[in-house]
Amino acid sequence: RKAFEEYEIEFQDYHDWPGIKPKAM
């Protein structure tokens, strides 16, 4: 579960535009 949550955080923190905080899905 810990390994899965690390990938989940990486997915939610992906930046579509540099300098702008991404919107979580």
PDB file of all heavy atoms in Angstrom:
ATOM      1  N   ARG A   1       0.836  -1.202   0.000  1.00  0.00           N
ATOM      2  CA  ARG A   1       0.000   0.000   0.000  1.00  0.00           C
ATOM      3  C   ARG A   1       0.871   1.253   0.000  1.00  0.00           C
ATOM      4  O   ARG A   1       0.561   2.237  -0.686  1.00  0.00           O
ATOM      5  CB  ARG A   1      -0.920  -0.013   1.212  1.00  0.00           C
ATOM      6  CG  ARG A   1      -1.899   1.158   1.266  1.00  0.00           C
ATOM      7  CD  ARG A   1      -2.655   1.181   2.578  1.00  0.00           C
ATOM      8  NE  ARG A   1      -3.633   2.251   2.590  1.00  0.00           N
ATOM      9  CZ  ARG A   1      -4.941   2.072   2.490  1.00  0.00           C
ATOM     10  NH1 ARG A   1      -5.426   0.848   2.355  1.00  0.00           N
ATOM     11  NH2 ARG A   1      -5.761   3.096   2.520  1.00  0.00           N
ATOM     12  N   LYS A   2       1.949   1.229   0.756  1.00  0.00           N
ATOM     13  CA  LYS A   2       2.842   2.379   0.791  1.00  0.00           C
ATOM     14  C   LYS A   2       3.450   2.645  -0.582  1.00  0.00           C
ATOM     15  O   LYS A   2       3.543   3.799  -1.027  1.00  0.00           O
ATOM     16  CB  LYS A   2       3.944   2.141   1.822  1.00  0.00           C
ATOM     17  CG  LYS A   2       4.920   3.301   1.967  1.00  0.00           C
ATOM     18  CD  LYS A   2       5.972   3.012   3.025  1.00  0.00           C
ATOM     19  CE  LYS A   2       6.953   4.166   3.147  1.00  0.00           C
ATOM     20  NZ  LYS A   2       8.005   3.881   4.172  1.00  0.00           N
ATOM     21  N   ALA A   3       3.874   1.585  -1.272  1.00  0.00           N
ATOM     22  CA  ALA A   3       4.433   1.765  -2.613  1.00  0.00           C
ATOM     23  C   ALA A   3       3.389   2.307  -3.572  1.00  0.00           C
ATOM     24  O   ALA A   3       3.678   3.180  -4.408  1.00  0.00           O
ATOM     25  CB  ALA A   3       4.978   0.427  -3.122  1.00  0.00           C
ATOM     26  N   PHE A   4       2.139   1.839  -3.453  1.00  0.00           N
ATOM     27  CA  PHE A   4       1.083   2.334  -4.334  1.00  0.00           C
ATOM     28  C   PHE A   4       0.789   3.803  -4.066  1.00  0.00           C
ATOM     29  O   PHE A   4       0.594   4.591  -5.000  1.00  0.00           O
ATOM     30  CB  PHE A   4      -0.179   1.492  -4.133  1.00  0.00           C
ATOM     31  CG  PHE A   4      -1.391   2.048  -4.835  1.00  0.00           C
ATOM     32  CD1 PHE A   4      -1.538   1.920  -6.205  1.00  0.00           C
ATOM     33  CD2 PHE A   4      -2.378   2.713  -4.122  1.00  0.00           C
ATOM     34  CE1 PHE A   4      -2.639   2.436  -6.842  1.00  0.00           C
ATOM     35  CE2 PHE A   4      -3.483   3.234  -4.752  1.00  0.00           C
ATOM     36  CZ  PHE A   4      -3.623   3.093  -6.127  1.00  0.00           C
ATOM     37  N   GLU A   5       0.765   4.203  -2.810  1.00  0.00           N
ATOM     38  CA  GLU A   5       0.460   5.600  -2.479  1.00  0.00           C
ATOM     39  C   GLU A   5       1.552   6.540  -2.974  1.00  0.00           C
ATOM     40  O   GLU A   5       1.272   7.691  -3.313  1.00  0.00           O
ATOM     41  CB  GLU A   5       0.261   5.738  -0.974  1.00  0.00           C
ATOM     42  CG  GLU A   5      -1.029   5.089  -0.474  1.00  0.00           C
ATOM     43  CD  GLU A   5      -1.181   5.195   1.028  1.00  0.00           C
ATOM     44  OE1 GLU A   5      -0.177   5.573   1.690  1.00  0.00           O
ATOM     45  OE2 GLU A   5      -2.287   4.914   1.540  1.00  0.00           O
ATOM     46  N   GLU A   6       2.794   6.076  -3.033  1.00  0.00           N
ATOM     47  CA  GLU A   6       3.860   6.919  -3.585  1.00  0.00           C
ATOM     48  C   GLU A   6       3.616   7.210  -5.066  1.00  0.00           C
ATOM     49  O   GLU A   6       3.793   8.347  -5.519  1.00  0.00           O
ATOM     50  CB  GLU A   6       5.207   6.220  -3.391  1.00  0.00           C
ATOM     51  CG  GLU A   6       5.661   6.162  -1.936  1.00  0.00           C
ATOM     52  CD  GLU A   6       6.981   5.426  -1.784  1.00  0.00           C
ATOM     53  OE1 GLU A   6       7.485   4.920  -2.824  1.00  0.00           O
ATOM     54  OE2 GLU A   6       7.505   5.361  -0.653  1.00  0.00           O
ATOM     55  N   TYR A   7       3.180   6.226  -5.827  1.00  0.00           N
ATOM     56  CA  TYR A   7       2.855   6.455  -7.230  1.00  0.00           C
ATOM     57  C   TYR A   7       1.613   7.340  -7.361  1.00  0.00           C
ATOM     58  O   TYR A   7       1.513   8.164  -8.283  1.00  0.00           O
ATOM     59  CB  TYR A   7       2.618   5.123  -7.933  1.00  0.00           C
ATOM     60  CG  TYR A   7       3.873   4.332  -8.170  1.00  0.00           C
ATOM     61  CD1 TYR A   7       4.128   3.170  -7.470  1.00  0.00           C
ATOM     62  CD2 TYR A   7       4.819   4.751  -9.112  1.00  0.00           C
ATOM     63  CE1 TYR A   7       5.285   2.439  -7.672  1.00  0.00           C
ATOM     64  CE2 TYR A   7       5.976   4.023  -9.317  1.00  0.00           C
ATOM     65  CZ  TYR A   7       6.208   2.866  -8.607  1.00  0.00           C
ATOM     66  OH  TYR A   7       7.356   2.146  -8.815  1.00  0.00           O
ATOM     67  N   GLU A   8       0.681   7.200  -6.429  1.00  0.00           N
ATOM     68  CA  GLU A   8      -0.530   8.010  -6.476  1.00  0.00           C
ATOM     69  C   GLU A   8      -0.198   9.484  -6.228  1.00  0.00           C
ATOM     70  O   GLU A   8      -0.739  10.377  -6.887  1.00  0.00           O
ATOM     71  CB  GLU A   8      -1.514   7.491  -5.428  1.00  0.00           C
ATOM     72  CG  GLU A   8      -2.933   7.979  -5.636  1.00  0.00           C
ATOM     73  CD  GLU A   8      -3.888   7.290  -4.693  1.00  0.00           C
ATOM     74  OE1 GLU A   8      -3.458   6.910  -3.580  1.00  0.00           O
ATOM     75  OE2 GLU A   8      -5.054   7.141  -5.055  1.00  0.00           O
ATOM     76  N   ILE A   9       0.698   9.764  -5.277  1.00  0.00           N
ATOM     77  CA  ILE A   9       1.112  11.147  -5.014  1.00  0.00           C
ATOM     78  C   ILE A   9       1.852  11.717  -6.225  1.00  0.00           C
ATOM     79  O   ILE A   9       1.661  12.877  -6.600  1.00  0.00           O
ATOM     80  CB  ILE A   9       1.991  11.203  -3.748  1.00  0.00           C
ATOM     81  CG1 ILE A   9       1.167  10.824  -2.515  1.00  0.00           C
ATOM     82  CG2 ILE A   9       2.611  12.577  -3.574  1.00  0.00           C
ATOM     83  CD1 ILE A   9       1.984  10.700  -1.251  1.00  0.00           C
ATOM     84  N   GLU A  10       2.710  10.918  -6.832  1.00  0.00           N
ATOM     85  CA  GLU A  10       3.435  11.381  -8.020  1.00  0.00           C
ATOM     86  C   GLU A  10       2.470  11.733  -9.150  1.00  0.00           C
ATOM     87  O   GLU A  10       2.664  12.710  -9.880  1.00  0.00           O
ATOM     88  CB  GLU A  10       4.411  10.289  -8.471  1.00  0.00           C
ATOM     89  CG  GLU A  10       5.249  10.679  -9.683  1.00  0.00           C
ATOM     90  CD  GLU A  10       6.190   9.569 -10.098  1.00  0.00           C
ATOM     91  OE1 GLU A  10       6.224   8.529  -9.408  1.00  0.00           O
ATOM     92  OE2 GLU A  10       6.887   9.726 -11.126  1.00  0.00           O
ATOM     93  N   PHE A  11       1.389  10.964  -9.282  1.00  0.00           N
ATOM     94  CA  PHE A  11       0.395  11.244 -10.308  1.00  0.00           C
ATOM     95  C   PHE A  11      -0.336  12.560 -10.022  1.00  0.00           C
ATOM     96  O   PHE A  11      -0.524  13.388 -10.917  1.00  0.00           O
ATOM     97  CB  PHE A  11      -0.601  10.084 -10.381  1.00  0.00           C
ATOM     98  CG  PHE A  11      -1.840  10.380 -11.177  1.00  0.00           C
ATOM     99  CD1 PHE A  11      -1.806  10.392 -12.569  1.00  0.00           C
ATOM    100  CD2 PHE A  11      -3.046  10.647 -10.544  1.00  0.00           C
ATOM    101  CE1 PHE A  11      -2.936  10.668 -13.306  1.00  0.00           C
ATOM    102  CE2 PHE A  11      -4.184  10.921 -11.271  1.00  0.00           C
ATOM    103  CZ  PHE A  11      -4.133  10.938 -12.658  1.00  0.00           C
ATOM    104  N   GLN A  12      -0.744  12.766  -8.777  1.00  0.00           N
ATOM    105  CA  GLN A  12      -1.494  13.974  -8.437  1.00  0.00           C
ATOM    106  C   GLN A  12      -0.619  15.222  -8.493  1.00  0.00           C
ATOM    107  O   GLN A  12      -1.114  16.318  -8.753  1.00  0.00           O
ATOM    108  CB  GLN A  12      -2.114  13.833  -7.037  1.00  0.00           C
ATOM    109  CG  GLN A  12      -3.167  12.751  -6.914  1.00  0.00           C
ATOM    110  CD  GLN A  12      -4.475  13.122  -7.581  1.00  0.00           C
ATOM    111  OE1 GLN A  12      -4.576  14.145  -8.263  1.00  0.00           O
ATOM    112  NE2 GLN A  12      -5.488  12.281  -7.411  1.00  0.00           N
ATOM    113  N   ASP A  13       0.686  15.099  -8.272  1.00  0.00           N
ATOM    114  CA  ASP A  13       1.588  16.251  -8.260  1.00  0.00           C
ATOM    115  C   ASP A  13       2.186  16.571  -9.625  1.00  0.00           C
ATOM    116  O   ASP A  13       3.069  17.430  -9.720  1.00  0.00           O
ATOM    117  CB  ASP A  13       2.738  16.019  -7.266  1.00  0.00           C
ATOM    118  CG  ASP A  13       2.255  16.036  -5.829  1.00  0.00           C
ATOM    119  OD1 ASP A  13       1.138  16.535  -5.598  1.00  0.00           O
ATOM    120  OD2 ASP A  13       2.981  15.536  -4.945  1.00  0.00           O
ATOM    121  N   TYR A  14       1.738  15.908 -10.653  1.00  0.00           N
ATOM    122  CA  TYR A  14       2.291  16.191 -11.978  1.00  0.00           C
ATOM    123  C   TYR A  14       1.896  17.601 -12.423  1.00  0.00           C
ATOM    124  O   TYR A  14       0.721  17.977 -12.381  1.00  0.00           O
ATOM    125  CB  TYR A  14       1.785  15.161 -12.992  1.00  0.00           C
ATOM    126  CG  TYR A  14       2.225  15.461 -14.408  1.00  0.00           C
ATOM    127  CD1 TYR A  14       3.517  15.204 -14.825  1.00  0.00           C
ATOM    128  CD2 TYR A  14       1.336  16.016 -15.327  1.00  0.00           C
ATOM    129  CE1 TYR A  14       3.935  15.474 -16.107  1.00  0.00           C
ATOM    130  CE2 TYR A  14       1.731  16.291 -16.624  1.00  0.00           C
ATOM    131  CZ  TYR A  14       3.035  16.019 -17.010  1.00  0.00           C
ATOM    132  OH  TYR A  14       3.437  16.294 -18.289  1.00  0.00           O
ATOM    133  N   HIS A  15       2.874  18.409 -12.880  1.00  0.00           N
ATOM    134  CA  HIS A  15       2.646  19.795 -13.276  1.00  0.00           C
ATOM    135  C   HIS A  15       2.353  19.867 -14.772  1.00  0.00           C
ATOM    136  O   HIS A  15       3.192  19.522 -15.605  1.00  0.00           O
ATOM    137  CB  HIS A  15       3.868  20.669 -12.945  1.00  0.00           C
ATOM    138  CG  HIS A  15       4.020  20.954 -11.488  1.00  0.00           C
ATOM    139  ND1 HIS A  15       4.394  19.985 -10.576  1.00  0.00           N
ATOM    140  CD2 HIS A  15       3.839  22.105 -10.764  1.00  0.00           C
ATOM    141  CE1 HIS A  15       4.443  20.524  -9.363  1.00  0.00           C
ATOM    142  NE2 HIS A  15       4.114  21.801  -9.445  1.00  0.00           N
ATOM    143  N   ASP A  16       1.118  20.318 -15.085  1.00  0.00           N
ATOM    144  CA  ASP A  16       0.781  20.557 -16.489  1.00  0.00           C
ATOM    145  C   ASP A  16       1.475  21.808 -17.009  1.00  0.00           C
ATOM    146  O   ASP A  16       1.824  21.890 -18.194  1.00  0.00           O
ATOM    147  CB  ASP A  16      -0.743  20.690 -16.651  1.00  0.00           C
ATOM    148  CG  ASP A  16      -1.458  19.403 -16.279  1.00  0.00           C
ATOM    149  OD1 ASP A  16      -0.914  18.319 -16.588  1.00  0.00           O
ATOM    150  OD2 ASP A  16      -2.541  19.472 -15.668  1.00  0.00           O
ATOM    151  N   TRP A  17       1.626  22.789 -16.130  1.00  0.00           N
ATOM    152  CA  TRP A  17       2.252  24.047 -16.533  1.00  0.00           C
ATOM    153  C   TRP A  17       3.255  24.436 -15.450  1.00  0.00           C
ATOM    154  O   TRP A  17       2.906  24.471 -14.269  1.00  0.00           O
ATOM    155  CB  TRP A  17       1.206  25.145 -16.688  1.00  0.00           C
ATOM    156  CG  TRP A  17       1.739  26.369 -17.395  1.00  0.00           C
ATOM    157  CD1 TRP A  17       2.332  27.441 -16.806  1.00  0.00           C
ATOM    158  CD2 TRP A  17       1.734  26.614 -18.788  1.00  0.00           C
ATOM    159  NE1 TRP A  17       2.694  28.356 -17.748  1.00  0.00           N
ATOM    160  CE2 TRP A  17       2.342  27.876 -19.001  1.00  0.00           C
ATOM    161  CE3 TRP A  17       1.285  25.909 -19.902  1.00  0.00           C
ATOM    162  CZ2 TRP A  17       2.505  28.436 -20.253  1.00  0.00           C
ATOM    163  CZ3 TRP A  17       1.440  26.463 -21.146  1.00  0.00           C
ATOM    164  CH2 TRP A  17       2.055  27.705 -21.313  1.00  0.00           C
ATOM    165  N   PRO A  18       4.506  24.715 -15.805  1.00  0.00           N
ATOM    166  CA  PRO A  18       5.522  25.030 -14.792  1.00  0.00           C
ATOM    167  C   PRO A  18       5.120  26.238 -13.950  1.00  0.00           C
ATOM    168  O   PRO A  18       4.665  27.254 -14.478  1.00  0.00           O
ATOM    169  CB  PRO A  18       6.772  25.323 -15.632  1.00  0.00           C
ATOM    170  CG  PRO A  18       6.542  24.628 -16.938  1.00  0.00           C
ATOM    171  CD  PRO A  18       5.074  24.693 -17.176  1.00  0.00           C
ATOM    172  N   GLY A  19       5.298  26.101 -12.630  1.00  0.00           N
ATOM    173  CA  GLY A  19       5.023  27.212 -11.727  1.00  0.00           C
ATOM    174  C   GLY A  19       3.603  27.290 -11.242  1.00  0.00           C
ATOM    175  O   GLY A  19       3.300  28.106 -10.378  1.00  0.00           O
ATOM    176  N   ILE A  20       2.692  26.496 -11.792  1.00  0.00           N
ATOM    177  CA  ILE A  20       1.284  26.512 -11.381  1.00  0.00           C
ATOM    178  C   ILE A  20       0.973  25.193 -10.682  1.00  0.00           C
ATOM    179  O   ILE A  20       1.236  24.121 -11.229  1.00  0.00           O
ATOM    180  CB  ILE A  20       0.357  26.716 -12.589  1.00  0.00           C
ATOM    181  CG1 ILE A  20       0.666  28.054 -13.268  1.00  0.00           C
ATOM    182  CG2 ILE A  20      -1.105  26.662 -12.150  1.00  0.00           C
ATOM    183  CD1 ILE A  20      -0.185  28.333 -14.484  1.00  0.00           C
ATOM    184  N   LYS A  21       0.418  25.294  -9.479  1.00  0.00           N
ATOM    185  CA  LYS A  21       0.101  24.108  -8.715  1.00  0.00           C
ATOM    186  C   LYS A  21      -0.951  23.279  -9.434  1.00  0.00           C
ATOM    187  O   LYS A  21      -1.990  23.812  -9.839  1.00  0.00           O
ATOM    188  CB  LYS A  21      -0.393  24.504  -7.317  1.00  0.00           C
ATOM    189  CG  LYS A  21      -0.646  23.309  -6.414  1.00  0.00           C
ATOM    190  CD  LYS A  21      -1.086  23.759  -5.026  1.00  0.00           C
ATOM    191  CE  LYS A  21      -1.329  22.541  -4.133  1.00  0.00           C
ATOM    192  NZ  LYS A  21      -1.767  22.950  -2.772  1.00  0.00           N
ATOM    193  N   PRO A  22      -0.722  22.006  -9.624  1.00  0.00           N
ATOM    194  CA  PRO A  22      -1.694  21.195 -10.370  1.00  0.00           C
ATOM    195  C   PRO A  22      -2.968  20.979  -9.571  1.00  0.00           C
ATOM    196  O   PRO A  22      -2.978  20.981  -8.338  1.00  0.00           O
ATOM    197  CB  PRO A  22      -0.953  19.880 -10.591  1.00  0.00           C
ATOM    198  CG  PRO A  22       0.015  19.800  -9.451  1.00  0.00           C
ATOM    199  CD  PRO A  22       0.432  21.220  -9.179  1.00  0.00           C
ATOM    200  N   LYS A  23      -4.056  20.814 -10.290  1.00  0.00           N
ATOM    201  CA  LYS A  23      -5.343  20.534  -9.674  1.00  0.00           C
ATOM    202  C   LYS A  23      -5.503  19.031  -9.526  1.00  0.00           C
ATOM    203  O   LYS A  23      -5.392  18.283 -10.499  1.00  0.00           O
ATOM    204  CB  LYS A  23      -6.469  21.099 -10.532  1.00  0.00           C
ATOM    205  CG  LYS A  23      -7.852  20.880  -9.926  1.00  0.00           C
ATOM    206  CD  LYS A  23      -8.931  21.474 -10.813  1.00  0.00           C
ATOM    207  CE  LYS A  23     -10.313  21.244 -10.216  1.00  0.00           C
ATOM    208  NZ  LYS A  23     -11.379  21.797 -11.090  1.00  0.00           N
ATOM    209  N   ALA A  24      -5.742  18.611  -8.301  1.00  0.00           N
ATOM    210  CA  ALA A  24      -5.858  17.177  -8.042  1.00  0.00           C
ATOM    211  C   ALA A  24      -7.121  16.623  -8.681  1.00  0.00           C
ATOM    212  O   ALA A  24      -8.159  17.284  -8.741  1.00  0.00           O
ATOM    213  CB  ALA A  24      -5.850  16.915  -6.546  1.00  0.00           C
ATOM    214  N   MET A  25      -7.026  15.399  -9.170  1.00  0.00           N
ATOM    215  CA  MET A  25      -8.156  14.731  -9.801  1.00  0.00           C
ATOM    216  C   MET A  25      -8.848  13.827  -8.788  1.00  0.00           C
ATOM    217  O   MET A  25      -8.209  13.182  -7.958  1.00  0.00           O
ATOM    218  CB  MET A  25      -7.678  13.899 -10.999  1.00  0.00           C
ATOM    219  CG  MET A  25      -6.997  14.724 -12.089  1.00  0.00           C
ATOM    220  SD  MET A  25      -6.465  13.716 -13.486  1.00  0.00           S
ATOM    221  CE  MET A  25      -8.061  13.175 -14.108  1.00  0.00           C
TER     222      MET A  25
END
